Amino acid sequence: MKVRPTLSAPGFHRIGVRLNIVLLGIISFFLIACGYGIWTLNTQAEQFRSLTNTYYDRAMLAAELSRDAELIATQAMEKAVTQRLGNIDANILQSDITRMFSVARNKLTTNDAQEEQILQEIDRLTEPYFSKLTEFYQTIEQQQRLKRSMDQIIRATEQAQNQLAEASASAFNKHLQQLNGALLLMFQADRPGLLARRQQQLEQALINLNNLSDLTPSQQNLRTVAQGYVAEARLLQEQLSQADLITLAAMRETRLYAQRLSSACYDFYLLVKQGAEKAALQHTQYTDSVTRNMAILSVLLIALIALAYWLIQHFIIHRLNHLSTVMLQHKEGNPQPIPLAGNDEITLIGQAFKTFVDATNTARRDANLAQQEAEQTNQKLTELNASLRQQSNTDELTQIANRRAFFHWLNDVWPQRQKYLSISILMIDIDWFKAYNDHYGHQQGDICLQKVVAQLKAACAPYNAHLARYGGEEFIVAVLDISSEQAHTLGDEILKQVEGAHLRHDFAPKGIVSVSIGVATQDCDSPNLSFERLISKADQALYNAKDRGRDQVMAMPETTA
């Protein structure tokens, strides 16, 4: 077919024109969608700023107020647990906390009556809560003052106890030490039951001290001072226990007011949060509307791109892929019809390729015919050579390697003998085989040879030995990398294997077929090693076995040089 030099239908049928139209349409639609998206983002940004300024800031302030109420309550409980206010006056501390809470409260504004009602409830609870908080801090201060006084008594008692330990041992000093020890133990009591027992011990120690007589004026003075310390310690212990109860009650009342104030602050936060959520929902609805419009535009854009993709795939890619596949099929020898439909550049490529294919096919057919004739001739020659090689290397009767094949194998192995440690040769001869042939006939003699070969194969298989028929009733075995003892063992196994077959031979001493074996082994690194000498030694050993009565294995001594 003659290829046309130019397109027959210019204009819209040209691939470049159609691609430009599709691309211009996609770009125009994309610019419209981008313009709409920019306008929508600006509108959403304005709405979000309004939503943030109106609701979210108030929600954050309400949350801050609720957090301050909880923080104040937490700090108060912390002071109750640690019982430490430092040097700060309770009224000053209450004033600082009130100012912190008031700053957050004054930032709040209301938008409706419900918010106004909750904010009034917060204002109503604020004053009693901070008053109760001041009272609570004052009880903690009173408790700390009592503890400081008790600490002074404890230090004085410990100092007196140390002085008594260094003084002379007298009955007065002993009882005074017992009184001070009981007083210190009472201070250390941390449970009501233990405190009662320690107070009883203190009372008994005081009675024992008071019962002493014949005291010096200084001892009487020390006893009076000790009695005063004990009375003051008892009073402080009672006041401290009462202060603990008062502090606990004030802590509970403070915590109750804190819960009420925190709950009111949290209710206001929830109300503001609901307003923010409502406004956010309206903003979300608008966003959803915009999202739908953007989704529609996106779908239209995708549809336009899909249409462009389909047009490109259908009119260009698909046709090019089809043409490429057809070309590859032709290249792989599987010709397919070449597409020639259309009126554009792809059609011209197909027409040119068809002309090339037609010329190639003609040349290939001629070449294939010549190649087939040559291959048929080569095949016949190969089969004939393989048959001749098999026949020349195999003994026809026993179907094992013949003497020629054996020496061919030996000539291949001999140059590589340095890779092996040793090589052993076994010469095997069937005993009284001439008498066997004369008595049973040559046909039975052939059968006997085949059966003996089967036993030889079975015995040699574990040693990876190379077995061959050497001539007549004589066989040869070559084995690599075994010692002379192992070679002799192989000969014994061959004897047992043949005798175990129980092949009848009325003209043999045992009445069965037996063999004689000569063995020769030599190291492969011997400089004087030659397979002719090794076979000669094995043959000599075989004749020695026959001279000694047959049906046995004889080995020549192993040589290394």
Protein backbone atom coordinates (compact mmCIF):
# COMPACT_ATOMS: atom_id res chain seq x y z
CA MET A 1 0.00 0.00 0.00
CA LYS A 2 1.35 3.41 -0.93
CA VAL A 3 1.74 5.79 2.04
CA ARG A 4 0.07 9.17 1.66
CA PRO A 5 2.51 12.02 2.18
CA THR A 6 -0.07 14.41 3.81
CA LEU A 7 -3.36 14.20 5.71
CA SER A 8 -6.44 13.94 3.53
CA ALA A 9 -8.70 15.82 6.08
CA PRO A 10 -6.95 18.84 7.64
CA GLY A 11 -8.42 21.15 10.27
CA PHE A 12 -10.45 19.65 13.13
CA HIS A 13 -9.36 16.11 12.28
CA ARG A 14 -5.80 16.95 13.20
CA ILE A 15 -4.77 15.74 16.70
CA GLY A 16 -3.11 19.03 17.67
CA VAL A 17 -6.25 21.09 16.99
CA ARG A 18 -8.46 18.84 19.07
CA LEU A 19 -5.99 18.80 21.99
CA ASN A 20 -5.76 22.61 22.04
CA ILE A 21 -9.56 22.96 22.20
CA VAL A 22 -9.80 20.53 25.13
CA LEU A 23 -6.97 22.20 27.08
CA LEU A 24 -8.39 25.72 26.60
CA GLY A 25 -11.78 24.54 27.92
CA ILE A 26 -10.22 23.01 31.04
CA ILE A 27 -8.11 26.09 31.80
CA SER A 28 -11.11 28.45 31.42
CA PHE A 29 -13.27 26.40 33.77
CA PHE A 30 -10.41 26.15 36.28
CA LEU A 31 -10.01 29.95 36.36
CA ILE A 32 -13.74 30.41 37.03
CA ALA A 33 -13.65 27.90 39.89
CA CYS A 34 -10.58 29.60 41.43
CA GLY A 35 -12.28 33.02 41.33
CA TYR A 36 -15.36 31.66 43.08
CA GLY A 37 -13.18 29.94 45.69
CA ILE A 38 -11.27 33.15 46.52
CA TRP A 39 -14.51 35.14 46.94
CA THR A 40 -15.93 32.41 49.20
CA LEU A 41 -12.83 32.31 51.40
CA ASN A 42 -12.97 36.09 51.97
CA THR A 43 -16.65 35.86 52.98
CA GLN A 44 -15.97 33.02 55.41
CA ALA A 45 -13.05 34.92 56.95
CA GLU A 46 -15.33 37.90 57.71
CA GLN A 47 -17.95 35.65 59.31
CA PHE A 48 -15.33 33.85 61.39
CA ARG A 49 -13.88 37.13 62.72
CA SER A 50 -17.37 38.20 63.78
CA LEU A 51 -18.00 34.85 65.44
CA THR A 52 -14.70 35.01 67.32
CA ASN A 53 -15.16 38.58 68.58
CA THR A 54 -18.78 38.05 69.68
CA TYR A 55 -18.90 34.57 71.22
CA TYR A 56 -15.58 32.84 71.54
CA ASP A 57 -13.91 35.66 73.52
CA ARG A 58 -16.82 35.70 75.99
CA ALA A 59 -16.68 31.93 76.27
CA MET A 60 -12.99 32.09 77.08
CA LEU A 61 -13.62 34.77 79.75
CA ALA A 62 -16.39 32.64 81.29
CA ALA A 63 -14.10 29.65 81.34
CA GLU A 64 -11.37 31.80 82.95
CA LEU A 65 -13.82 32.94 85.67
CA SER A 66 -14.80 29.32 86.38
CA ARG A 67 -11.13 28.36 86.50
CA ASP A 68 -10.33 31.21 88.95
CA ALA A 69 -13.11 30.05 91.27
CA GLU A 70 -11.74 26.54 91.27
CA LEU A 71 -8.17 27.81 91.65
CA ILE A 72 -9.06 29.91 94.69
CA ALA A 73 -10.79 26.92 96.29
CA THR A 74 -7.82 24.70 95.52
CA GLN A 75 -5.36 27.19 97.02
CA ALA A 76 -7.47 27.38 100.15
CA MET A 77 -7.48 23.61 100.53
CA GLU A 78 -3.71 23.59 99.96
CA LYS A 79 -3.24 26.07 102.82
CA ALA A 80 -5.44 23.85 104.97
CA VAL A 81 -3.30 20.81 104.26
CA THR A 82 0.11 22.51 104.58
CA GLN A 83 -1.09 24.98 107.26
CA ARG A 84 1.40 27.58 106.07
CA LEU A 85 0.54 31.15 105.14
CA GLY A 86 4.01 32.60 105.57
CA ASN A 87 4.11 36.19 106.82
CA ILE A 88 1.15 37.35 104.66
CA ASP A 89 -1.80 38.72 106.55
CA ALA A 90 -5.11 36.85 105.89
CA ASN A 91 -6.95 40.09 105.01
CA ILE A 92 -4.21 41.05 102.51
CA LEU A 93 -4.32 37.56 100.94
CA GLN A 94 -8.12 37.71 100.71
CA SER A 95 -7.89 41.13 99.07
CA ASP A 96 -5.45 39.84 96.41
CA ILE A 97 -7.60 36.81 95.61
CA THR A 98 -10.76 38.96 95.45
CA ARG A 99 -9.04 41.40 93.07
CA MET A 100 -7.93 38.55 90.77
CA PHE A 101 -11.47 37.17 90.64
CA SER A 102 -13.01 40.65 90.13
CA VAL A 103 -10.73 41.38 87.15
CA ALA A 104 -12.05 38.29 85.34
CA ARG A 105 -15.65 39.10 86.41
CA ASN A 106 -15.61 42.68 85.18
CA LYS A 107 -14.60 41.55 81.67
CA LEU A 108 -17.83 39.60 81.27
CA THR A 109 -20.85 41.09 79.47
CA THR A 110 -24.32 39.67 78.87
CA ASN A 111 -26.39 39.38 75.71
CA ASP A 112 -29.76 38.22 77.11
CA ALA A 113 -31.81 37.98 80.32
CA GLN A 114 -30.74 34.44 81.14
CA GLU A 115 -27.06 35.39 81.09
CA GLU A 116 -27.86 38.44 83.24
CA GLN A 117 -29.64 36.26 85.82
CA ILE A 118 -26.70 33.85 86.14
CA LEU A 119 -24.22 36.73 86.41
CA GLN A 120 -26.29 38.22 89.28
CA GLU A 121 -26.15 34.82 91.02
CA ILE A 122 -22.36 34.89 90.67
CA ASP A 123 -22.22 38.39 92.21
CA ARG A 124 -24.51 37.25 95.07
CA LEU A 125 -22.26 34.31 95.97
CA THR A 126 -18.96 36.17 95.64
CA GLU A 127 -19.08 38.28 98.85
CA PRO A 128 -20.07 35.48 101.33
CA TYR A 129 -17.58 33.11 99.70
CA PHE A 130 -14.62 35.48 100.17
CA SER A 131 -15.79 36.36 103.70
CA LYS A 132 -15.84 32.67 104.58
CA LEU A 133 -12.43 32.29 102.91
CA THR A 134 -11.00 35.08 105.14
CA GLU A 135 -12.45 33.40 108.21
CA PHE A 136 -10.89 30.11 107.10
CA TYR A 137 -7.45 31.71 106.71
CA GLN A 138 -7.80 33.31 110.19
CA THR A 139 -8.47 29.89 111.77
CA ILE A 140 -5.34 28.56 110.07
CA GLU A 141 -3.34 31.51 111.46
CA GLN A 142 -4.66 30.82 114.97
CA GLN A 143 -3.73 27.15 114.62
CA GLN A 144 -0.22 28.10 113.52
CA ARG A 145 0.23 30.42 116.52
CA LEU A 146 -0.73 27.62 118.89
CA LYS A 147 1.73 25.27 117.18
CA ARG A 148 4.54 27.83 117.48
CA SER A 149 3.86 28.13 121.22
CA MET A 150 3.90 24.36 121.58
CA ASP A 151 7.15 24.20 119.62
CA GLN A 152 8.71 26.60 122.17
CA ILE A 153 7.64 24.34 125.03
CA ILE A 154 8.99 21.29 123.20
CA ARG A 155 12.37 22.96 122.63
CA ALA A 156 12.56 24.05 126.28
CA THR A 157 11.64 20.54 127.44
CA GLU A 158 14.26 18.94 125.18
CA GLN A 159 16.89 21.41 126.45
CA ALA A 160 16.00 20.60 130.07
CA GLN A 161 16.09 16.88 129.28
CA ASN A 162 19.60 17.22 127.88
CA GLN A 163 20.76 19.15 130.98
CA LEU A 164 19.29 16.50 133.30
CA ALA A 165 21.07 13.75 131.35
CA GLU A 166 24.41 15.49 132.12
CA ALA A 167 23.56 16.23 135.79
CA SER A 168 24.21 13.92 138.77
CA ALA A 169 21.89 10.91 139.11
CA SER A 170 19.44 11.69 141.94
CA ALA A 171 15.83 10.65 142.60
CA PHE A 172 14.60 14.18 141.80
CA ASN A 173 16.49 14.33 138.51
CA LYS A 174 15.25 10.86 137.60
CA HIS A 175 11.58 11.78 138.19
CA LEU A 176 12.03 15.12 136.44
CA GLN A 177 13.53 13.28 133.41
CA GLN A 178 10.52 10.94 133.39
CA LEU A 179 8.17 13.95 133.46
CA ASN A 180 9.94 15.62 130.53
CA GLY A 181 10.00 12.34 128.55
CA ALA A 182 6.27 11.83 129.12
CA LEU A 183 5.64 15.43 128.03
CA LEU A 184 7.60 14.91 124.77
CA LEU A 185 5.76 11.66 124.07
CA MET A 186 2.43 13.45 124.54
CA PHE A 187 3.44 16.03 121.93
CA GLN A 188 4.28 13.22 119.46
CA ALA A 189 0.91 11.44 119.80
CA ASP A 190 -1.09 11.65 116.55
CA ARG A 191 -4.18 9.58 117.43
CA PRO A 192 -6.85 10.24 120.11
CA GLY A 193 -6.34 6.87 121.86
CA LEU A 194 -2.56 7.26 121.92
CA LEU A 195 -2.92 10.87 123.17
CA ALA A 196 -5.09 9.71 126.08
CA ARG A 197 -2.54 7.08 127.13
CA ARG A 198 0.32 9.57 126.91
CA GLN A 199 -1.66 12.09 129.05
CA GLN A 200 -2.14 9.39 131.70
CA GLN A 201 1.61 8.68 131.69
CA LEU A 202 2.27 12.42 132.05
CA GLU A 203 -0.18 12.67 134.99
CA GLN A 204 1.48 9.72 136.75
CA ALA A 205 4.95 11.21 136.22
CA LEU A 206 3.68 14.54 137.70
CA ILE A 207 2.22 12.73 140.75
CA ASN A 208 5.50 10.89 141.29
CA LEU A 209 7.39 14.21 141.16
CA ASN A 210 4.96 15.90 143.58
CA ASN A 211 5.28 13.01 146.08
CA LEU A 212 9.00 13.67 146.55
CA SER A 213 10.00 15.25 149.93
CA ASP A 214 13.14 16.68 151.48
CA LEU A 215 13.80 18.80 148.38
CA THR A 216 16.22 21.67 148.33
CA PRO A 217 14.90 25.14 147.51
CA SER A 218 16.35 24.95 143.99
CA GLN A 219 14.72 21.56 143.42
CA GLN A 220 11.39 22.92 144.69
CA ASN A 221 11.77 25.82 142.28
CA LEU A 222 12.49 23.42 139.36
CA ARG A 223 9.44 21.35 140.31
CA THR A 224 7.26 24.48 140.28
CA VAL A 225 8.59 25.44 136.83
CA ALA A 226 7.98 21.91 135.50
CA GLN A 227 4.42 21.98 136.87
CA GLY A 228 3.87 25.25 135.00
CA TYR A 229 5.17 23.82 131.73
CA VAL A 230 2.91 20.79 132.09
CA ALA A 231 -0.15 22.94 132.77
CA GLU A 232 0.66 25.22 129.84
CA ALA A 233 1.28 22.22 127.55
CA ARG A 234 -2.05 20.66 128.50
CA LEU A 235 -3.85 23.92 127.78
CA LEU A 236 -2.12 24.32 124.44
CA GLN A 237 -2.94 20.72 123.52
CA GLU A 238 -6.64 21.30 124.25
CA GLN A 239 -6.64 24.63 122.35
CA LEU A 240 -4.89 23.00 119.38
CA SER A 241 -7.43 20.16 119.25
CA GLN A 242 -10.25 22.70 119.35
CA ALA A 243 -8.55 24.75 116.61
CA ASP A 244 -8.32 21.64 114.43
CA LEU A 245 -12.08 21.14 114.72
CA ILE A 246 -12.78 24.81 113.96
CA THR A 247 -10.44 24.74 110.94
CA LEU A 248 -12.11 21.60 109.60
CA ALA A 249 -15.57 23.17 109.93
CA ALA A 250 -14.41 26.39 108.23
CA MET A 251 -12.80 24.36 105.44
CA ARG A 252 -16.07 22.51 104.81
CA GLU A 253 -18.12 25.71 104.69
CA THR A 254 -15.55 27.36 102.42
CA ARG A 255 -15.59 24.35 100.11
CA LEU A 256 -19.40 24.46 99.96
CA TYR A 257 -19.43 28.13 98.96
CA ALA A 258 -16.63 27.43 96.46
CA GLN A 259 -18.69 24.67 94.86
CA ARG A 260 -21.72 26.95 94.55
CA LEU A 261 -19.69 29.81 93.04
CA SER A 262 -17.83 27.49 90.69
CA SER A 263 -21.12 25.88 89.61
CA ALA A 264 -22.61 29.29 88.84
CA CYS A 265 -19.52 30.29 86.86
CA TYR A 266 -19.65 27.02 84.97
CA ASP A 267 -23.37 27.52 84.19
CA PHE A 268 -22.55 30.93 82.73
CA TYR A 269 -19.76 29.34 80.70
CA LEU A 270 -22.15 26.69 79.37
CA LEU A 271 -24.70 29.35 78.41
CA VAL A 272 -22.09 31.37 76.54
CA LYS A 273 -20.81 28.17 74.99
CA GLN A 274 -24.30 27.32 73.74
CA GLY A 275 -24.53 30.72 72.08
CA ALA A 276 -21.13 30.17 70.50
CA GLU A 277 -22.19 26.74 69.30
CA LYS A 278 -25.37 28.17 67.81
CA ALA A 279 -23.41 30.83 65.95
CA ALA A 280 -20.86 28.22 64.92
CA LEU A 281 -23.71 26.07 63.59
CA GLN A 282 -24.95 28.95 61.45
CA HIS A 283 -21.42 29.50 60.21
CA THR A 284 -21.11 25.76 59.53
CA GLN A 285 -24.36 25.78 57.54
CA TYR A 286 -23.04 28.60 55.41
CA THR A 287 -19.75 26.74 55.03
CA ASP A 288 -21.64 23.61 54.03
CA SER A 289 -23.52 25.58 51.40
CA VAL A 290 -20.27 26.93 50.04
CA THR A 291 -18.76 23.46 50.21
CA ARG A 292 -21.64 22.07 48.17
CA ASN A 293 -21.15 24.71 45.55
CA MET A 294 -17.42 24.03 45.47
CA ALA A 295 -18.15 20.31 45.28
CA ILE A 296 -20.44 20.89 42.29
CA LEU A 297 -17.78 22.97 40.59
CA SER A 298 -15.18 20.31 41.45
CA VAL A 299 -17.41 17.60 40.02
CA LEU A 300 -17.90 19.61 36.87
CA LEU A 301 -14.16 20.18 36.64
CA ILE A 302 -13.50 16.50 37.20
CA ALA A 303 -16.12 15.63 34.61
CA LEU A 304 -14.48 18.01 32.15
CA ILE A 305 -11.06 16.51 32.90
CA ALA A 306 -12.55 13.02 32.59
CA LEU A 307 -14.05 13.95 29.26
CA ALA A 308 -10.70 15.30 28.10
CA TYR A 309 -9.03 12.17 29.42
CA TRP A 310 -11.51 9.98 27.56
CA LEU A 311 -11.04 11.91 24.35
CA ILE A 312 -7.25 11.65 24.62
CA GLN A 313 -7.46 7.98 25.58
CA HIS A 314 -9.99 7.11 22.87
CA PHE A 315 -8.58 9.09 19.95
CA ILE A 316 -4.86 9.04 20.79
CA ILE A 317 -3.59 6.78 23.62
CA HIS A 318 -5.83 3.80 22.89
CA ARG A 319 -5.02 3.87 19.20
CA LEU A 320 -1.30 4.32 19.87
CA ASN A 321 -1.32 1.48 22.44
CA HIS A 322 -3.20 -0.73 20.00
CA LEU A 323 -0.75 0.07 17.25
CA SER A 324 2.19 -0.49 19.65
CA THR A 325 0.76 -3.85 20.77
CA VAL A 326 0.30 -4.93 17.18
CA MET A 327 3.90 -3.94 16.44
CA LEU A 328 5.17 -5.95 19.43
CA GLN A 329 3.09 -8.95 18.40
CA HIS A 330 4.65 -8.76 14.94
CA LYS A 331 8.07 -8.52 16.54
CA GLU A 332 7.41 -11.64 18.65
CA GLY A 333 6.21 -13.57 15.61
CA ASN A 334 2.47 -13.36 16.38
CA PRO A 335 1.11 -11.10 13.64
CA GLN A 336 -2.14 -9.22 14.25
CA PRO A 337 -4.23 -7.06 11.89
CA ILE A 338 -2.71 -3.60 11.62
CA PRO A 339 -5.23 -0.77 12.47
CA LEU A 340 -5.70 1.55 9.46
CA ALA A 341 -8.94 3.33 10.43
CA GLY A 342 -8.91 7.12 10.77
CA ASN A 343 -7.64 10.10 8.91
CA ASP A 344 -4.76 11.50 11.01
CA GLU A 345 -1.09 11.03 11.82
CA ILE A 346 -1.63 7.71 13.64
CA THR A 347 -3.22 6.29 10.49
CA LEU A 348 -0.14 7.27 8.50
CA ILE A 349 2.10 5.44 11.03
CA GLY A 350 -0.04 2.31 10.64
CA GLN A 351 0.12 2.45 6.87
CA ALA A 352 3.91 2.83 6.93
CA PHE A 353 4.27 -0.07 9.35
CA LYS A 354 2.05 -2.30 7.18
CA THR A 355 4.30 -1.72 4.19
CA PHE A 356 7.33 -2.61 6.33
CA VAL A 357 5.62 -5.74 7.71
CA ASP A 358 4.65 -6.99 4.29
CA ALA A 359 8.23 -6.72 3.07
CA THR A 360 9.58 -8.32 6.26
CA ASN A 361 7.13 -11.23 6.10
CA THR A 362 8.15 -12.03 2.56
CA ALA A 363 11.82 -12.09 3.52
CA ARG A 364 11.09 -14.08 6.69
CA ARG A 365 9.14 -16.76 4.82
CA ASP A 366 12.03 -17.32 2.46
CA ALA A 367 14.49 -17.46 5.35
CA ASN A 368 12.28 -19.83 7.37
CA LEU A 369 12.05 -22.30 4.50
CA ALA A 370 15.83 -22.42 4.21
CA GLN A 371 16.24 -22.66 7.97
CA GLN A 372 13.74 -25.52 8.29
CA GLU A 373 15.58 -27.55 5.68
CA ALA A 374 18.90 -26.95 7.47
CA GLU A 375 17.43 -27.82 10.87
CA GLN A 376 15.93 -31.07 9.63
CA THR A 377 19.29 -32.11 8.20
CA ASN A 378 21.10 -31.17 11.45
CA GLN A 379 18.54 -33.07 13.54
CA LYS A 380 19.07 -36.25 11.58
CA LEU A 381 22.85 -35.89 11.93
CA THR A 382 22.59 -35.28 15.68
CA GLU A 383 20.40 -38.34 16.24
CA LEU A 384 22.72 -40.49 14.16
CA ASN A 385 25.81 -39.27 16.06
CA ALA A 386 24.14 -39.89 19.44
CA SER A 387 23.17 -43.43 18.40
CA LEU A 388 26.67 -44.21 17.17
CA ARG A 389 28.24 -42.76 20.33
CA GLN A 390 25.95 -44.81 22.53
CA GLN A 391 26.63 -47.99 20.62
CA SER A 392 30.41 -47.46 20.64
CA ASN A 393 30.57 -46.82 24.43
CA THR A 394 28.08 -49.44 25.72
CA ASP A 395 28.47 -53.18 25.94
CA GLU A 396 25.62 -54.61 23.88
CA LEU A 397 25.03 -57.64 26.10
CA THR A 398 25.27 -56.18 29.64
CA GLN A 399 24.32 -52.54 28.81
CA ILE A 400 27.16 -51.16 30.91
CA ALA A 401 30.23 -49.24 29.76
CA ASN A 402 32.59 -51.19 27.54
CA ARG A 403 36.37 -51.18 27.70
CA ARG A 404 36.63 -48.29 25.26
CA ALA A 405 34.23 -46.12 27.31
CA PHE A 406 36.09 -47.02 30.52
CA PHE A 407 39.42 -45.81 29.18
CA HIS A 408 37.75 -42.71 27.78
CA TRP A 409 36.43 -41.89 31.25
CA LEU A 410 39.82 -42.65 32.79
CA ASN A 411 41.57 -40.35 30.32
CA ASP A 412 39.14 -37.55 31.30
CA VAL A 413 39.69 -38.07 35.04
CA TRP A 414 43.45 -38.66 35.01
CA PRO A 415 44.55 -35.05 34.28
CA GLN A 416 42.47 -33.93 37.29
CA ARG A 417 43.71 -36.68 39.68
CA GLN A 418 45.35 -34.07 41.98
CA LYS A 419 41.83 -33.19 43.16
CA TYR A 420 41.45 -36.70 44.67
CA LEU A 421 43.30 -38.51 47.46
CA SER A 422 43.59 -41.94 45.83
CA ILE A 423 42.31 -44.18 43.04
CA SER A 424 41.49 -47.90 43.30
CA ILE A 425 41.10 -50.47 40.50
CA LEU A 426 39.23 -53.78 40.96
CA MET A 427 39.63 -56.50 38.28
CA ILE A 428 36.77 -59.03 38.45
CA ASP A 429 36.61 -62.43 36.68
CA ILE A 430 33.79 -65.01 36.79
CA ASP A 431 35.15 -68.35 38.05
CA TRP A 432 34.98 -71.43 35.80
CA PHE A 433 32.92 -69.55 33.23
CA LYS A 434 34.26 -71.60 30.26
CA ALA A 435 32.89 -74.72 31.90
CA TYR A 436 29.61 -72.87 32.41
CA ASN A 437 29.39 -72.03 28.69
CA ASP A 438 30.39 -75.55 27.65
CA HIS A 439 27.79 -77.14 29.89
CA TYR A 440 24.84 -74.71 29.73
CA GLY A 441 25.47 -73.16 26.31
CA HIS A 442 26.39 -69.66 25.23
CA GLN A 443 22.80 -68.37 25.49
CA GLN A 444 22.65 -69.26 29.19
CA GLY A 445 26.16 -67.88 29.55
CA ASP A 446 24.94 -64.51 28.27
CA ILE A 447 22.07 -64.56 30.76
CA CYS A 448 24.55 -65.41 33.54
CA LEU A 449 26.68 -62.41 32.56
CA GLN A 450 23.64 -60.11 32.73
CA LYS A 451 22.69 -61.39 36.21
CA VAL A 452 26.26 -61.05 37.50
CA VAL A 453 26.36 -57.45 36.16
CA ALA A 454 23.16 -56.67 38.09
CA GLN A 455 24.84 -57.80 41.32
CA LEU A 456 27.98 -55.80 40.51
CA LYS A 457 25.87 -52.66 40.01
CA ALA A 458 24.13 -53.16 43.35
CA ALA A 459 27.43 -53.61 45.21
CA CYS A 460 29.18 -50.65 43.50
CA ALA A 461 26.31 -48.14 43.77
CA PRO A 462 27.11 -46.93 47.36
CA TYR A 463 30.73 -46.21 46.34
CA ASN A 464 29.91 -44.14 43.24
CA ALA A 465 32.17 -46.58 41.37
CA HIS A 466 32.64 -46.66 37.61
CA LEU A 467 31.86 -50.21 36.32
CA ALA A 468 32.75 -51.51 32.82
CA ARG A 469 33.05 -54.82 30.97
CA TYR A 470 36.74 -55.40 30.33
CA GLY A 471 36.30 -58.39 28.00
CA GLY A 472 34.56 -61.77 27.99
CA GLU A 473 33.72 -62.69 31.61
CA GLU A 474 36.13 -60.05 32.98
CA PHE A 475 35.01 -56.69 34.47
CA ILE A 476 36.81 -53.64 35.84
CA VAL A 477 35.80 -51.14 38.56
CA ALA A 478 37.43 -47.75 39.28
CA VAL A 479 36.75 -45.89 42.58
CA LEU A 480 38.08 -42.47 43.68
CA ASP A 481 38.93 -41.24 47.20
CA ILE A 482 38.82 -44.55 49.10
CA SER A 483 41.60 -46.30 51.03
CA SER A 484 43.00 -49.73 50.23
CA GLU A 485 40.98 -51.14 53.15
CA GLN A 486 37.76 -49.66 51.76
CA ALA A 487 38.62 -51.05 48.29
CA HIS A 488 39.13 -54.50 49.81
CA THR A 489 35.78 -54.11 51.61
CA LEU A 490 34.12 -53.29 48.29
CA GLY A 491 35.63 -56.52 46.84
CA ASP A 492 34.21 -58.52 49.77
CA GLU A 493 30.78 -56.94 49.22
CA ILE A 494 30.90 -57.90 45.54
CA LEU A 495 31.72 -61.51 46.49
CA LYS A 496 28.80 -61.62 48.92
CA GLN A 497 26.45 -59.95 46.44
CA VAL A 498 27.25 -62.48 43.66
CA GLU A 499 27.08 -65.48 45.99
CA GLY A 500 23.84 -64.16 47.44
CA ALA A 501 22.26 -64.35 43.97
CA HIS A 502 22.67 -68.20 44.08
CA LEU A 503 23.21 -68.56 40.35
CA ARG A 504 23.46 -72.31 39.68
CA HIS A 505 26.82 -73.66 38.42
CA ASP A 506 27.17 -77.44 38.72
CA PHE A 507 30.84 -77.31 37.63
CA ALA A 508 31.93 -74.94 40.43
CA PRO A 509 33.09 -76.18 43.88
CA LYS A 510 30.17 -74.48 45.69
CA GLY A 511 27.63 -75.27 42.97
CA ILE A 512 26.95 -71.55 42.39
CA VAL A 513 28.55 -68.82 40.33
CA SER A 514 31.41 -66.98 42.08
CA VAL A 515 34.00 -64.37 41.13
CA SER A 516 37.66 -63.68 41.81
CA ILE A 517 38.81 -60.10 42.41
CA GLY A 518 42.15 -58.34 42.27
CA VAL A 519 42.52 -54.94 43.98
CA ALA A 520 45.18 -52.24 43.57
CA THR A 521 45.16 -48.77 45.24
CA GLN A 522 47.59 -45.87 44.86
CA ASP A 523 47.76 -42.25 46.10
CA CYS A 524 46.99 -39.62 43.46
CA ASP A 525 49.92 -37.42 44.50
CA SER A 526 52.46 -40.14 43.63
CA PRO A 527 54.83 -38.80 40.89
CA ASN A 528 55.19 -42.29 39.33
CA LEU A 529 51.46 -42.92 39.18
CA SER A 530 50.05 -44.18 35.87
CA PHE A 531 46.75 -45.91 35.25
CA GLU A 532 48.47 -48.55 33.07
CA ARG A 533 50.66 -49.66 36.01
CA LEU A 534 47.67 -49.51 38.39
CA ILE A 535 45.55 -51.74 36.09
CA SER A 536 48.51 -54.09 35.68
CA LYS A 537 48.79 -54.44 39.48
CA ALA A 538 45.09 -55.14 39.80
CA ASP A 539 45.33 -57.72 37.04
CA GLN A 540 48.29 -59.36 38.80
CA ALA A 541 46.29 -59.47 42.04
CA LEU A 542 43.43 -61.14 40.13
CA TYR A 543 45.74 -63.86 38.86
CA ASN A 544 47.02 -64.37 42.40
CA ALA A 545 43.42 -64.84 43.57
CA LYS A 546 42.86 -67.48 40.86
CA ASP A 547 46.10 -69.28 41.75
CA ARG A 548 44.96 -69.52 45.37
CA GLY A 549 41.71 -71.23 44.48
CA ARG A 550 39.39 -68.46 43.11
CA ASP A 551 36.27 -67.08 44.91
CA GLN A 552 38.32 -64.55 46.89
CA VAL A 553 39.74 -61.01 46.96
CA MET A 554 43.45 -60.37 46.64
CA ALA A 555 45.03 -56.93 46.95
CA MET A 556 48.43 -55.68 45.89
CA PRO A 557 50.29 -53.64 48.51
CA GLU A 558 49.55 -49.90 48.26
CA THR A 559 52.36 -47.78 46.91
CA THR A 560 52.93 -44.06 47.44
CA ALA A 561 56.00 -43.49 45.27
